[in-house]
Protein backbone atom coordinates (compact mmCIF):
# COMPACT_ATOMS: atom_id res chain seq x y z
CA UNK A 1 23.39 -1.54 24.68
CA UNK A 2 25.44 -2.90 21.85
CA UNK A 3 24.67 -2.42 18.19
CA UNK A 4 23.60 -6.05 17.87
CA UNK A 5 20.97 -5.68 20.58
CA UNK A 6 19.69 -2.46 19.05
CA UNK A 7 19.44 -4.06 15.61
CA UNK A 8 17.50 -6.97 17.16
CA UNK A 9 15.07 -4.48 18.68
CA UNK A 10 14.56 -2.63 15.39
CA UNK A 11 14.13 -5.92 13.53
CA UNK A 12 11.53 -7.02 16.06
CA UNK A 13 9.72 -3.68 15.66
CA UNK A 14 9.77 -4.08 11.89
CA UNK A 15 8.34 -7.59 12.00
CA UNK A 16 5.65 -6.52 14.48
CA UNK A 17 4.62 -3.79 12.03
CA UNK A 18 4.56 -6.19 9.10
CA UNK A 19 2.57 -8.73 11.13
CA UNK A 20 0.08 -6.00 11.98
CA UNK A 21 -0.42 -5.26 8.30
CA UNK A 22 -0.74 -8.93 7.36
CA UNK A 23 -2.97 -10.14 10.19
CA UNK A 24 -5.21 -7.10 10.66
CA UNK A 25 -7.22 -6.70 7.50
CA UNK A 26 -10.40 -5.29 9.01
CA UNK A 27 -9.41 -1.94 10.50
CA UNK A 28 -7.55 0.46 8.25
CA UNK A 29 -6.36 2.60 11.18
CA UNK A 30 -4.50 -0.37 12.63
CA UNK A 31 -2.94 -1.02 9.22
CA UNK A 32 -1.73 2.59 9.04
CA UNK A 33 -0.29 2.40 12.55
CA UNK A 34 1.50 -0.83 11.67
CA UNK A 35 3.01 0.83 8.61
CA UNK A 36 4.16 3.71 10.80
CA UNK A 37 5.83 1.27 13.22
CA UNK A 38 7.65 -0.34 10.29
CA UNK A 39 8.84 2.99 8.90
CA UNK A 40 9.92 4.16 12.36
CA UNK A 41 11.96 0.99 12.90
CA UNK A 42 13.67 1.44 9.54
CA UNK A 43 14.58 5.04 10.34
CA UNK A 44 15.78 4.04 13.81
CA UNK A 45 17.97 1.40 12.19
CA UNK A 46 19.45 4.05 9.89
CA UNK A 47 20.14 6.28 12.90
CA UNK A 48 21.80 3.49 14.88
CA UNK A 49 24.14 2.55 12.06
CA UNK A 50 24.81 6.21 11.28
CA UNK A 51 26.03 6.79 14.81
CA UNK A 52 27.98 3.52 14.79
CA UNK A 53 29.72 4.26 11.48
CA UNK A 54 30.14 7.99 12.26
CA UNK A 55 28.42 9.02 9.04
CA UNK A 56 25.71 11.62 8.57
CA UNK A 57 24.09 10.01 5.51
CA UNK A 58 22.03 7.64 7.67
CA UNK A 59 20.64 10.57 9.63
CA UNK A 60 19.65 12.32 6.42
CA UNK A 61 17.91 9.16 5.18
CA UNK A 62 16.09 8.87 8.53
CA UNK A 63 14.83 12.43 8.13
CA UNK A 64 13.54 11.64 4.64
CA UNK A 65 11.84 8.46 5.89
CA UNK A 66 10.13 10.32 8.72
CA UNK A 67 9.00 13.03 6.30
CA UNK A 68 7.51 10.47 3.92
CA UNK A 69 5.86 8.67 6.86
CA UNK A 70 4.24 11.91 8.02
CA UNK A 71 2.94 12.63 4.51
CA UNK A 72 1.68 9.07 4.14
CA UNK A 73 -0.20 9.16 7.41
CA UNK A 74 -1.81 12.55 6.71
CA UNK A 75 -2.98 11.49 3.25
CA UNK A 76 -4.16 8.14 4.63
CA UNK A 77 -6.14 9.80 7.40
CA UNK A 78 -7.75 12.18 4.89
CA UNK A 79 -8.78 9.22 2.73
CA UNK A 80 -10.15 7.42 5.79
CA UNK A 81 -12.18 10.50 6.74
CA UNK A 82 -13.76 10.75 3.29
CA UNK A 83 -14.40 6.99 3.22
CA UNK A 84 -16.08 7.16 6.63
CA UNK A 85 -18.32 10.01 5.48
CA UNK A 86 -19.40 8.01 2.43
CA UNK A 87 -19.84 4.54 4.00
CA UNK A 88 -20.25 5.12 7.73
CA UNK A 89 -17.52 2.62 8.71
CA UNK A 90 -13.81 2.10 8.08
CA UNK A 91 -13.75 -1.64 7.51
CA UNK A 92 -11.27 -2.70 4.83
CA UNK A 93 -13.29 -5.73 3.73
CA UNK A 94 -16.10 -3.43 2.60
CA UNK A 95 -13.83 -1.27 0.45
CA UNK A 96 -14.55 -3.31 -2.68
CA UNK A 97 -18.07 -1.82 -2.69
CA UNK A 98 -16.65 1.48 -3.94
CA UNK A 99 -15.81 0.11 -7.40
CA UNK A 100 -19.21 0.96 -8.88
């Protein structure tokens, strides 16, 4: 596969992740998974161009992105767990009830 085809694939993955965030506003788990897809496509894009340009900086950035994504998902899942214990559901449209 050429670099153009690989960049098309990562762009498609990124836009699928963004579309999942935009169009799925009811389930917060689907929103978190869509964010993970977007972050994974960005790190994959860094890796592809790092190999293509023969530079290690892209690989280091990909490692940082994957580390931040892992931290984001663990904190998000902890928040979802606490929210589910309080409300009994994980619907995003009911989250405004917590402002009291």
